[in-house]
C-alpha atoms as a PDB file:
ATOM      1  CA  MET A   1      18.194  83.763   3.801  1.00  0.00           C
ATOM      2  CA  THR A   2      16.961  86.158   0.993  1.00  0.00           C
ATOM      3  CA  ALA A   3      16.461  89.765   1.783  1.00  0.00           C
ATOM      4  CA  PRO A   4      12.583  89.754   0.992  1.00  0.00           C
ATOM      5  CA  LEU A   5      12.270  86.721   3.317  1.00  0.00           C
ATOM      6  CA  LEU A   6      14.228  88.709   6.016  1.00  0.00           C
ATOM      7  CA  MET A   7      11.963  91.705   5.635  1.00  0.00           C
ATOM      8  CA  LEU A   8       8.850  89.314   5.672  1.00  0.00           C
ATOM      9  CA  ILE A   9       9.812  87.846   9.130  1.00  0.00           C
ATOM     10  CA  GLY A  10      10.840  91.477  10.309  1.00  0.00           C
ATOM     11  CA  LEU A  11       7.392  92.685   9.481  1.00  0.00           C
ATOM     12  CA  THR A  12       5.721  89.809  11.179  1.00  0.00           C
ATOM     13  CA  VAL A  13       7.871  90.315  14.533  1.00  0.00           C
ATOM     14  CA  GLU A  14       7.134  93.978  14.628  1.00  0.00           C
ATOM     15  CA  ALA A  15       3.448  93.530  13.773  1.00  0.00           C
ATOM     16  CA  THR A  16       3.186  91.038  16.500  1.00  0.00           C
ATOM     17  CA  PHE A  17       5.309  92.405  19.301  1.00  0.00           C
ATOM     18  CA  SER A  18       6.333  96.036  18.296  1.00  0.00           C
ATOM     19  CA  TRP A  19       9.340  97.438  20.263  1.00  0.00           C
ATOM     20  CA  PRO A  20       8.961  96.443  24.011  1.00  0.00           C
ATOM     21  CA  LEU A  21       8.648  99.425  26.378  1.00  0.00           C
ATOM     22  CA  TRP A  22      10.812  97.724  28.974  1.00  0.00           C
ATOM     23  CA  LEU A  23      13.559  97.528  26.290  1.00  0.00           C
ATOM     24  CA  TYR A  24      13.206 100.948  25.063  1.00  0.00           C
ATOM     25  CA  ARG A  25      13.550 102.266  28.739  1.00  0.00           C
ATOM     26  CA  ARG A  26      16.850 100.376  28.868  1.00  0.00           C
ATOM     27  CA  ILE A  27      18.459 100.946  25.549  1.00  0.00           C
ATOM     28  CA  ARG A  28      16.128 103.316  23.782  1.00  0.00           C
ATOM     29  CA  HIS A  29      15.674 102.628  20.002  1.00  0.00           C
ATOM     30  CA  PRO A  30      17.907 102.452  17.216  1.00  0.00           C
ATOM     31  CA  VAL A  31      16.062 105.536  15.554  1.00  0.00           C
ATOM     32  CA  VAL A  32      16.639 107.411  18.841  1.00  0.00           C
ATOM     33  CA  TRP A  33      20.514 106.523  18.413  1.00  0.00           C
ATOM     34  CA  ILE A  34      20.483 107.729  14.806  1.00  0.00           C
ATOM     35  CA  GLY A  35      18.688 110.974  15.861  1.00  0.00           C
ATOM     36  CA  ALA A  36      21.156 111.608  18.658  1.00  0.00           C
ATOM     37  CA  LEU A  37      24.020 111.453  16.034  1.00  0.00           C
ATOM     38  CA  ILE A  38      22.220 113.752  13.844  1.00  0.00           C
ATOM     39  CA  ALA A  39      21.459 116.252  16.703  1.00  0.00           C
ATOM     40  CA  PHE A  40      25.090 116.091  17.832  1.00  0.00           C
ATOM     41  CA  LEU A  41      26.227 116.968  14.210  1.00  0.00           C
ATOM     42  CA  GLU A  42      23.626 119.499  13.722  1.00  0.00           C
ATOM     43  CA  THR A  43      24.346 121.612  16.756  1.00  0.00           C
ATOM     44  CA  ARG A  44      28.012 121.805  15.936  1.00  0.00           C
ATOM     45  CA  LEU A  45      27.772 122.370  12.185  1.00  0.00           C
ATOM     46  CA  ASN A  46      24.566 124.391  11.576  1.00  0.00           C
ATOM     47  CA  SER A  47      25.575 127.800  12.753  1.00  0.00           C
ATOM     48  CA  GLU A  48      23.636 130.996  11.695  1.00  0.00           C
ATOM     49  CA  HIS A  49      26.976 132.801  11.365  1.00  0.00           C
ATOM     50  CA  ARG A  50      27.948 130.449   8.277  1.00  0.00           C
ATOM     51  CA  SER A  51      26.736 131.359   4.614  1.00  0.00           C
ATOM     52  CA  HIS A  52      23.887 129.839   3.160  1.00  0.00           C
ATOM     53  CA  ARG A  53      26.313 127.837   0.759  1.00  0.00           C
ATOM     54  CA  ASN A  54      28.402 126.628   3.509  1.00  0.00           C
ATOM     55  CA  ARG A  55      25.299 125.350   5.521  1.00  0.00           C
ATOM     56  CA  ARG A  56      24.145 123.499   2.434  1.00  0.00           C
ATOM     57  CA  LEU A  57      27.683 121.859   2.162  1.00  0.00           C
ATOM     58  CA  LEU A  58      27.837 121.007   5.748  1.00  0.00           C
ATOM     59  CA  GLY A  59      24.172 119.589   5.603  1.00  0.00           C
ATOM     60  CA  ALA A  60      25.070 117.392   2.654  1.00  0.00           C
ATOM     61  CA  MET A  61      28.123 116.246   4.684  1.00  0.00           C
ATOM     62  CA  THR A  62      26.048 115.418   7.655  1.00  0.00           C
ATOM     63  CA  LEU A  63      23.721 113.368   5.369  1.00  0.00           C
ATOM     64  CA  PHE A  64      26.495 111.371   3.983  1.00  0.00           C
ATOM     65  CA  PHE A  65      28.195 110.722   7.128  1.00  0.00           C
ATOM     66  CA  VAL A  66      24.955 109.723   8.916  1.00  0.00           C
ATOM     67  CA  VAL A  67      23.945 107.291   6.243  1.00  0.00           C
ATOM     68  CA  THR A  68      27.394 105.904   5.642  1.00  0.00           C
ATOM     69  CA  ALA A  69      27.657 105.281   9.521  1.00  0.00           C
ATOM     70  CA  ALA A  70      24.346 103.300   9.418  1.00  0.00           C
ATOM     71  CA  ILE A  71      25.290 101.320   6.466  1.00  0.00           C
ATOM     72  CA  ALA A  72      28.533 100.497   7.963  1.00  0.00           C
ATOM     73  CA  VAL A  73      26.944  99.373  11.316  1.00  0.00           C
ATOM     74  CA  ALA A  74      24.211  97.344   9.563  1.00  0.00           C
ATOM     75  CA  THR A  75      26.874  95.716   7.154  1.00  0.00           C
ATOM     76  CA  LEU A  76      29.066  94.655  10.126  1.00  0.00           C
ATOM     77  CA  ILE A  77      25.980  93.020  12.101  1.00  0.00           C
ATOM     78  CA  SER A  78      24.756  91.351   8.862  1.00  0.00           C
ATOM     79  CA  GLU A  79      28.038  89.904   7.909  1.00  0.00           C
ATOM     80  CA  GLY A  80      28.991  89.176  11.598  1.00  0.00           C
ATOM     81  CA  LEU A  81      25.876  87.009  12.280  1.00  0.00           C
ATOM     82  CA  PRO A  82      26.264  83.349  11.806  1.00  0.00           C
ATOM     83  CA  ASN A  83      24.355  81.884   8.810  1.00  0.00           C
ATOM     84  CA  ASN A  84      22.085  79.772  10.877  1.00  0.00           C
ATOM     85  CA  THR A  85      18.510  79.929  12.477  1.00  0.00           C
ATOM     86  CA  TRP A  86      19.737  82.078  15.527  1.00  0.00           C
ATOM     87  CA  GLY A  87      21.718  84.553  13.198  1.00  0.00           C
ATOM     88  CA  TYR A  88      18.688  85.058  10.756  1.00  0.00           C
ATOM     89  CA  ALA A  89      16.450  85.533  13.792  1.00  0.00           C
ATOM     90  CA  VAL A  90      18.619  88.271  15.279  1.00  0.00           C
ATOM     91  CA  GLU A  91      18.917  89.987  11.851  1.00  0.00           C
ATOM     92  CA  ALA A  92      15.240  89.861  11.433  1.00  0.00           C
ATOM     93  CA  ALA A  93      14.784  91.310  14.918  1.00  0.00           C
ATOM     94  CA  ILE A  94      16.964  94.100  14.121  1.00  0.00           C
ATOM     95  CA  ALA A  95      15.117  94.845  10.800  1.00  0.00           C
ATOM     96  CA  SER A  96      11.736  94.837  12.708  1.00  0.00           C
ATOM     97  CA  THR A  97      13.055  97.837  14.676  1.00  0.00           C
ATOM     98  CA  MET A  98      13.010  99.941  11.572  1.00  0.00           C
ATOM     99  CA  LEU A  99       9.401  99.360  11.091  1.00  0.00           C
ATOM    100  CA  ALA A 100       6.280 100.794  12.496  1.00  0.00           C
ATOM    101  CA  SER A 101       3.077  98.893  11.549  1.00  0.00           C
ATOM    102  CA  ARG A 102       1.853  98.025  14.940  1.00  0.00           C
ATOM    103  CA  SER A 103       2.625 101.476  16.460  1.00  0.00           C
ATOM    104  CA  LEU A 104       1.048 103.167  13.534  1.00  0.00           C
ATOM    105  CA  TYR A 105      -2.134 101.278  14.034  1.00  0.00           C
ATOM    106  CA  ALA A 106      -2.220 101.943  17.640  1.00  0.00           C
ATOM    107  CA  HIS A 107      -1.565 105.525  17.406  1.00  0.00           C
ATOM    108  CA  VAL A 108      -4.423 106.181  14.872  1.00  0.00           C
ATOM    109  CA  ALA A 109      -6.772 103.980  16.865  1.00  0.00           C
ATOM    110  CA  ALA A 110      -6.131 106.038  19.834  1.00  0.00           C
ATOM    111  CA  VAL A 111      -7.476 108.948  17.966  1.00  0.00           C
ATOM    112  CA  ALA A 112     -10.561 107.149  16.895  1.00  0.00           C
ATOM    113  CA  ARG A 113     -11.634 105.881  20.197  1.00  0.00           C
ATOM    114  CA  PRO A 114     -12.271 109.100  21.902  1.00  0.00           C
ATOM    115  CA  LEU A 115     -13.653 110.742  18.679  1.00  0.00           C
ATOM    116  CA  GLU A 116     -16.380 108.002  18.590  1.00  0.00           C
ATOM    117  CA  ASP A 117     -17.196 108.785  22.190  1.00  0.00           C
ATOM    118  CA  GLY A 118     -17.516 112.674  21.648  1.00  0.00           C
ATOM    119  CA  ALA A 119     -14.356 113.227  23.656  1.00  0.00           C
ATOM    120  CA  THR A 120     -12.983 115.772  21.326  1.00  0.00           C
ATOM    121  CA  GLU A 121     -10.328 117.165  23.571  1.00  0.00           C
ATOM    122  CA  GLN A 122      -8.885 113.795  24.202  1.00  0.00           C
ATOM    123  CA  ALA A 123      -8.778 113.052  20.492  1.00  0.00           C
ATOM    124  CA  ARG A 124      -7.022 116.416  19.962  1.00  0.00           C
ATOM    125  CA  ASP A 125      -4.371 115.314  22.483  1.00  0.00           C
ATOM    126  CA  ALA A 126      -4.005 112.016  20.790  1.00  0.00           C
ATOM    127  CA  ILE A 127      -3.674 113.554  17.299  1.00  0.00           C
ATOM    128  CA  GLY A 128      -1.196 115.800  18.621  1.00  0.00           C
ATOM    129  CA  HIS A 129       1.269 113.022  19.029  1.00  0.00           C
ATOM    130  CA  ILE A 130       1.232 112.216  15.383  1.00  0.00           C
ATOM    131  CA  VAL A 131       1.104 115.199  13.469  1.00  0.00           C
ATOM    132  CA  GLY A 132       2.903 118.541  13.281  1.00  0.00           C
ATOM    133  CA  ARG A 133      -0.072 120.977  12.778  1.00  0.00           C
ATOM    134  CA  ASP A 134      -1.869 122.956  15.475  1.00  0.00           C
ATOM    135  CA  ALA A 135      -4.264 120.398  16.954  1.00  0.00           C
ATOM    136  CA  SER A 136      -6.155 122.992  19.070  1.00  0.00           C
ATOM    137  CA  ARG A 137      -7.798 124.554  16.108  1.00  0.00           C
ATOM    138  CA  LEU A 138      -9.185 121.241  14.789  1.00  0.00           C
ATOM    139  CA  ASP A 139     -12.702 120.253  14.981  1.00  0.00           C
ATOM    140  CA  SER A 140     -13.944 116.577  14.945  1.00  0.00           C
ATOM    141  CA  ASN A 141     -13.680 116.470  10.836  1.00  0.00           C
ATOM    142  CA  GLY A 142     -10.300 118.082  11.149  1.00  0.00           C
ATOM    143  CA  ILE A 143      -8.984 115.545  13.708  1.00  0.00           C
ATOM    144  CA  ALA A 144     -10.310 112.574  11.456  1.00  0.00           C
ATOM    145  CA  ARG A 145      -8.815 114.176   8.405  1.00  0.00           C
ATOM    146  CA  ALA A 146      -5.484 114.644  10.082  1.00  0.00           C
ATOM    147  CA  SER A 147      -5.494 110.972  11.433  1.00  0.00           C
ATOM    148  CA  LEU A 148      -6.220 109.560   7.992  1.00  0.00           C
ATOM    149  CA  GLU A 149      -3.479 111.714   6.243  1.00  0.00           C
ATOM    150  CA  SER A 150      -1.009 110.564   8.876  1.00  0.00           C
ATOM    151  CA  LEU A 151      -2.068 106.742   8.365  1.00  0.00           C
ATOM    152  CA  ALA A 152      -1.561 107.112   4.531  1.00  0.00           C
ATOM    153  CA  GLU A 153       1.598 108.838   4.599  1.00  0.00           C
ATOM    154  CA  ASN A 154       3.122 106.964   7.493  1.00  0.00           C
ATOM    155  CA  THR A 155       2.253 103.725   5.839  1.00  0.00           C
ATOM    156  CA  SER A 156       4.467 104.810   2.872  1.00  0.00           C
ATOM    157  CA  ASP A 157       7.369 106.244   5.054  1.00  0.00           C
ATOM    158  CA  GLY A 158       7.240 103.872   8.110  1.00  0.00           C
ATOM    159  CA  ILE A 159       6.567 100.668   6.533  1.00  0.00           C
ATOM    160  CA  VAL A 160       6.395 100.234   2.599  1.00  0.00           C
ATOM    161  CA  ALA A 161       9.560 102.216   2.051  1.00  0.00           C
ATOM    162  CA  PRO A 162      11.756 100.703   4.658  1.00  0.00           C
ATOM    163  CA  LEU A 163      10.606  97.306   3.480  1.00  0.00           C
ATOM    164  CA  PHE A 164      11.286  98.168  -0.161  1.00  0.00           C
ATOM    165  CA  TRP A 165      14.765  99.153   0.419  1.00  0.00           C
ATOM    166  CA  GLY A 166      15.427  96.269   2.795  1.00  0.00           C
ATOM    167  CA  ALA A 167      13.975  93.707   0.146  1.00  0.00           C
ATOM    168  CA  LEU A 168      16.548  95.287  -2.347  1.00  0.00           C
ATOM    169  CA  LEU A 169      19.441  95.537  -0.021  1.00  0.00           C
ATOM    170  CA  GLY A 170      18.966  93.661   3.177  1.00  0.00           C
ATOM    171  CA  LEU A 171      19.588  95.026   6.507  1.00  0.00           C
ATOM    172  CA  PRO A 172      21.895  97.921   5.357  1.00  0.00           C
ATOM    173  CA  GLY A 173      19.234  98.998   2.885  1.00  0.00           C
ATOM    174  CA  ILE A 174      16.345  99.292   5.507  1.00  0.00           C
ATOM    175  CA  THR A 175      18.884 100.846   8.042  1.00  0.00           C
ATOM    176  CA  ALA A 176      20.170 103.426   5.363  1.00  0.00           C
ATOM    177  CA  TYR A 177      16.492 104.358   4.529  1.00  0.00           C
ATOM    178  CA  LYS A 178      15.659 104.867   8.093  1.00  0.00           C
ATOM    179  CA  ALA A 179      18.689 107.195   8.695  1.00  0.00           C
ATOM    180  CA  ILE A 180      17.494 109.097   5.597  1.00  0.00           C
ATOM    181  CA  ASN A 181      13.982 109.496   6.858  1.00  0.00           C
ATOM    182  CA  THR A 182      15.282 110.571  10.340  1.00  0.00           C
ATOM    183  CA  LEU A 183      17.366 113.195   8.734  1.00  0.00           C
ATOM    184  CA  ASP A 184      14.521 114.711   6.805  1.00  0.00           C
ATOM    185  CA  SER A 185      12.181 114.491   9.947  1.00  0.00           C
ATOM    186  CA  MET A 186      14.962 116.479  11.973  1.00  0.00           C
ATOM    187  CA  LEU A 187      16.386 118.724   9.429  1.00  0.00           C
ATOM    188  CA  GLY A 188      14.026 118.690   6.372  1.00  0.00           C
ATOM    189  CA  HIS A 189      11.916 121.822   7.535  1.00  0.00           C
ATOM    190  CA  ARG A 190      11.270 124.892   5.612  1.00  0.00           C
ATOM    191  CA  SER A 191      12.447 127.335   8.324  1.00  0.00           C
ATOM    192  CA  PRO A 192      15.296 129.897   8.576  1.00  0.00           C
ATOM    193  CA  ARG A 193      17.412 127.230  10.661  1.00  0.00           C
ATOM    194  CA  TYR A 194      17.032 124.382   8.548  1.00  0.00           C
ATOM    195  CA  GLU A 195      16.272 125.571   5.118  1.00  0.00           C
ATOM    196  CA  ALA A 196      19.902 125.307   3.906  1.00  0.00           C
ATOM    197  CA  PHE A 197      21.302 122.792   6.195  1.00  0.00           C
ATOM    198  CA  GLY A 198      18.455 120.256   5.706  1.00  0.00           C
ATOM    199  CA  TRP A 199      17.992 120.784   1.958  1.00  0.00           C
ATOM    200  CA  ALA A 200      20.185 117.588   0.953  1.00  0.00           C
ATOM    201  CA  SER A 201      18.296 115.360   3.435  1.00  0.00           C
ATOM    202  CA  ALA A 202      14.985 116.720   2.219  1.00  0.00           C
ATOM    203  CA  ARG A 203      15.604 115.922  -1.453  1.00  0.00           C
ATOM    204  CA  THR A 204      17.180 112.584  -0.642  1.00  0.00           C
ATOM    205  CA  ASP A 205      14.251 111.715   1.370  1.00  0.00           C
ATOM    206  CA  ASP A 206      12.012 112.659  -1.735  1.00  0.00           C
ATOM    207  CA  LEU A 207      14.137 110.511  -3.902  1.00  0.00           C
ATOM    208  CA  VAL A 208      14.207 107.369  -1.922  1.00  0.00           C
ATOM    209  CA  ASN A 209      10.365 107.523  -1.198  1.00  0.00           C
ATOM    210  CA  LEU A 210       9.452 108.058  -4.858  1.00  0.00           C
ATOM    211  CA  LEU A 211       8.725 104.451  -5.756  1.00  0.00           C
ATOM    212  CA  PRO A 212       7.460 103.281  -2.310  1.00  0.00           C
ATOM    213  CA  ALA A 213       4.954 105.980  -2.173  1.00  0.00           C
ATOM    214  CA  ARG A 214       3.451 104.885  -5.636  1.00  0.00           C
ATOM    215  CA  ILE A 215       3.517 101.220  -4.088  1.00  0.00           C
ATOM    216  CA  THR A 216       1.646 102.329  -1.143  1.00  0.00           C
ATOM    217  CA  ALA A 217      -1.095 103.927  -3.345  1.00  0.00           C
ATOM    218  CA  ALA A 218      -1.278 100.736  -5.404  1.00  0.00           C
ATOM    219  CA  LEU A 219      -1.767  98.686  -2.188  1.00  0.00           C
ATOM    220  CA  PHE A 220      -4.674 100.889  -1.047  1.00  0.00           C
ATOM    221  CA  ILE A 221      -6.300 100.569  -4.433  1.00  0.00           C
ATOM    222  CA  LEU A 222      -5.887  96.838  -4.349  1.00  0.00           C
ATOM    223  CA  ALA A 223      -7.129  96.662  -0.789  1.00  0.00           C
ATOM    224  CA  SER A 224     -10.377  98.653  -1.546  1.00  0.00           C
ATOM    225  CA  GLY A 225     -10.886  97.442  -5.163  1.00  0.00           C
ATOM    226  CA  SER A 226     -12.251 100.720  -6.015  1.00  0.00           C
ATOM    227  CA  ARG A 227     -12.020 102.422  -9.360  1.00  0.00           C
ATOM    228  CA  ARG A 228     -12.888 105.634  -7.562  1.00  0.00           C
ATOM    229  CA  ALA A 229      -9.559 105.118  -5.819  1.00  0.00           C
ATOM    230  CA  ILE A 230      -7.693 104.950  -9.251  1.00  0.00           C
ATOM    231  CA  ARG A 231      -9.548 108.217 -10.546  1.00  0.00           C
ATOM    232  CA  THR A 232      -8.679 109.988  -7.423  1.00  0.00           C
ATOM    233  CA  VAL A 233      -5.104 109.210  -7.718  1.00  0.00           C
ATOM    234  CA  TYR A 234      -4.837 110.078 -11.300  1.00  0.00           C
ATOM    235  CA  ARG A 235      -6.672 113.316 -10.711  1.00  0.00           C
ATOM    236  CA  ASP A 236      -5.432 114.543  -7.330  1.00  0.00           C
ATOM    237  CA  ALA A 237      -1.955 112.987  -6.407  1.00  0.00           C
ATOM    238  CA  GLY A 238       0.029 115.855  -7.980  1.00  0.00           C
ATOM    239  CA  LEU A 239      -1.861 118.408  -6.127  1.00  0.00           C
ATOM    240  CA  HIS A 240       0.002 117.781  -2.779  1.00  0.00           C
ATOM    241  CA  ARG A 241       2.997 120.088  -1.928  1.00  0.00           C
ATOM    242  CA  SER A 242       4.993 116.851  -1.627  1.00  0.00           C
ATOM    243  CA  PRO A 243       6.050 114.817  -4.687  1.00  0.00           C
ATOM    244  CA  ASN A 244       5.303 111.617  -2.754  1.00  0.00           C
ATOM    245  CA  ALA A 245       2.572 112.230  -0.011  1.00  0.00           C
ATOM    246  CA  GLY A 246      -0.229 112.888  -2.474  1.00  0.00           C
ATOM    247  CA  TRP A 247       0.029 109.369  -3.843  1.00  0.00           C
ATOM    248  CA  PRO A 248      -0.926 107.365  -0.547  1.00  0.00           C
ATOM    249  CA  GLU A 249      -3.259 110.212   0.452  1.00  0.00           C
ATOM    250  CA  SER A 250      -5.202 110.292  -2.534  1.00  0.00           C
ATOM    251  CA  ALA A 251      -5.541 106.567  -2.722  1.00  0.00           C
ATOM    252  CA  MET A 252      -6.787 106.647   0.878  1.00  0.00           C
ATOM    253  CA  ALA A 253      -9.385 109.348   0.196  1.00  0.00           C
ATOM    254  CA  GLY A 254     -10.685 107.605  -2.955  1.00  0.00           C
ATOM    255  CA  SER A 255     -10.898 104.198  -1.432  1.00  0.00           C
ATOM    256  CA  ILE A 256     -12.980 105.324   1.681  1.00  0.00           C
ATOM    257  CA  GLY A 257     -14.708 108.202  -0.044  1.00  0.00           C
ATOM    258  CA  VAL A 258     -13.705 111.275   1.946  1.00  0.00           C
ATOM    259  CA  ARG A 259     -11.856 114.514   1.254  1.00  0.00           C
ATOM    260  CA  LEU A 260      -8.382 115.115   2.865  1.00  0.00           C
ATOM    261  CA  SER A 261      -5.671 117.682   2.795  1.00  0.00           C
ATOM    262  CA  GLY A 262      -7.016 121.288   2.602  1.00  0.00           C
ATOM    263  CA  PRO A 263      -5.961 124.433   4.649  1.00  0.00           C
ATOM    264  CA  ARG A 264      -4.236 123.558   8.005  1.00  0.00           C
ATOM    265  CA  HIS A 265      -2.751 125.488  10.666  1.00  0.00           C
ATOM    266  CA  TYR A 266       0.912 125.241  11.984  1.00  0.00           C
ATOM    267  CA  GLY A 267       2.887 127.216  14.314  1.00  0.00           C
ATOM    268  CA  ARG A 268       4.345 129.274  11.409  1.00  0.00           C
ATOM    269  CA  GLY A 269       0.789 130.112  10.267  1.00  0.00           C
ATOM    270  CA  VAL A 270      -1.849 128.723   7.662  1.00  0.00           C
ATOM    271  CA  SER A 271      -0.748 126.490   4.882  1.00  0.00           C
ATOM    272  CA  ASN A 272      -3.473 126.830   2.284  1.00  0.00           C
ATOM    273  CA  GLU A 273      -3.403 123.225   0.642  1.00  0.00           C
ATOM    274  CA  PRO A 274      -5.744 122.228  -2.131  1.00  0.00           C
ATOM    275  CA  TRP A 275      -8.265 119.732  -1.294  1.00  0.00           C
ATOM    276  CA  ILE A 276      -7.851 116.017  -2.444  1.00  0.00           C
ATOM    277  CA  ASN A 277     -10.932 114.267  -3.469  1.00  0.00           C
ATOM    278  CA  GLY A 278     -12.607 117.595  -2.777  1.00  0.00           C
ATOM    279  CA  ASN A 279     -16.208 116.677  -3.895  1.00  0.00           C
ATOM    280  CA  ALA A 280     -16.271 113.937  -1.101  1.00  0.00           C
ATOM    281  CA  PRO A 281     -17.670 114.660   2.432  1.00  0.00           C
ATOM    282  CA  ASP A 282     -15.357 115.303   5.385  1.00  0.00           C
ATOM    283  CA  PRO A 283     -14.212 112.187   7.350  1.00  0.00           C
ATOM    284  CA  THR A 284     -15.631 111.231  10.685  1.00  0.00           C
ATOM    285  CA  ALA A 285     -14.428 108.727  13.353  1.00  0.00           C
ATOM    286  CA  GLU A 286     -16.138 105.941  11.450  1.00  0.00           C
ATOM    287  CA  SER A 287     -13.942 106.965   8.443  1.00  0.00           C
ATOM    288  CA  ILE A 288     -10.804 106.441  10.591  1.00  0.00           C
ATOM    289  CA  ARG A 289     -12.105 102.863  11.290  1.00  0.00           C
ATOM    290  CA  ASP A 290     -12.506 102.528   7.602  1.00  0.00           C
ATOM    291  CA  GLY A 291      -9.019 103.818   6.839  1.00  0.00           C
ATOM    292  CA  LEU A 292      -7.573 101.250   9.651  1.00  0.00           C
ATOM    293  CA  ARG A 293      -9.440  98.337   7.933  1.00  0.00           C
ATOM    294  CA  LEU A 294      -8.054  99.463   4.565  1.00  0.00           C
ATOM    295  CA  TYR A 295      -4.531  99.586   6.164  1.00  0.00           C
ATOM    296  CA  VAL A 296      -4.753  96.056   7.717  1.00  0.00           C
ATOM    297  CA  ILE A 297      -5.738  94.725   4.213  1.00  0.00           C
ATOM    298  CA  ALA A 298      -3.040  96.611   2.572  1.00  0.00           C
ATOM    299  CA  MET A 299      -0.454  95.204   4.953  1.00  0.00           C
ATOM    300  CA  ILE A 300      -1.734  91.573   4.331  1.00  0.00           C
ATOM    301  CA  ILE A 301      -1.292  92.262   0.644  1.00  0.00           C
ATOM    302  CA  LEU A 302       2.228  93.726   1.180  1.00  0.00           C
ATOM    303  CA  ALA A 303       3.157  90.539   3.355  1.00  0.00           C
ATOM    304  CA  ALA A 304       1.773  88.266   0.457  1.00  0.00           C
ATOM    305  CA  VAL A 305       3.883  89.870  -2.011  1.00  0.00           C
ATOM    306  CA  LEU A 306       6.911  89.791  -0.112  1.00  0.00           C
ATOM    307  CA  ALA A 307       6.277  85.922   0.599  1.00  0.00           C
ATOM    308  CA  LEU A 308       5.815  85.397  -3.191  1.00  0.00           C
ATOM    309  CA  ILE A 309       8.928  87.137  -4.034  1.00  0.00           C
ATOM    310  CA  ALA A 310      10.865  85.238  -1.453  1.00  0.00           C
ATOM    311  CA  ALA A 311       9.456  81.915  -2.675  1.00  0.00           C
ATOM    312  CA  LEU A 312      10.291  82.756  -6.438  1.00  0.00           C
ATOM    313  CA  LEU A 313      13.894  83.520  -5.432  1.00  0.00           C
ATOM    314  CA  ALA A 314      14.061  80.412  -3.345  1.00  0.00           C
ATOM    315  CA  TRP A 315      12.778  78.319  -6.247  1.00  0.00           C
ATOM    316  CA  SER A 316      14.887  80.063  -8.700  1.00  0.00           C
END
């Protein structure tokens, strides 16, 4: 089975079933296992008594060890499975655990529902599960804005990027990407504890997301068929502090006609970010629904692209 076809089946499995709660309660989740390894190494190596240089070096070694371990395990599984329907099914099921298409939709929809009903506190609680900013300070427009930003960025990080690397390198590729992304989520913070130790993880995550972020922007543009989205990406993608997140966020903002980013509150203070599509109105609960519709269409296009690539490889 070709890697693109494996990723297509994995995406279909995850979008249909997600990761069952009963299974999570029994064996947790592969990302949780990766996270446990990262936490184990970080607590033992990232001592505040070490020099900045040594913490950078040990952080890079942690990155190398975790990613190498992830690739080794995935390769052993991939090579050890039989080349028949059951073997392919197991491999696709494992690949599906590295994706988050169904759960992303569910988490964002869980914000839209109470916001539509005027239950702002319930919406704040829901958005607090998917963003790192201080949700207690968000009004209804801020909640909608945070939801759409999370939807756009996580479409890239949680779906397009793992599928991209999986389509190129199979199960080892998607697993390696997930390890890098988890390292960045846990260590890639600009704080006294993680600035040195997480530097290598953050820079590597930026690198592996470079192309997927731009592919995600293209998917949103295709899904909307909007010239305004193209103009917004061209004008505003580079305004974001991240070299990658501005691409899907600006494509989302231009596609549904709202402004995103702007100042936001974190535990460490206010981050004065520039506006993306700043002349557009603030998003509302209805804007979240528009974003979710755009997201579904983009995922259908992505699945069609994977199917086309798989068919071309099979034909050749």
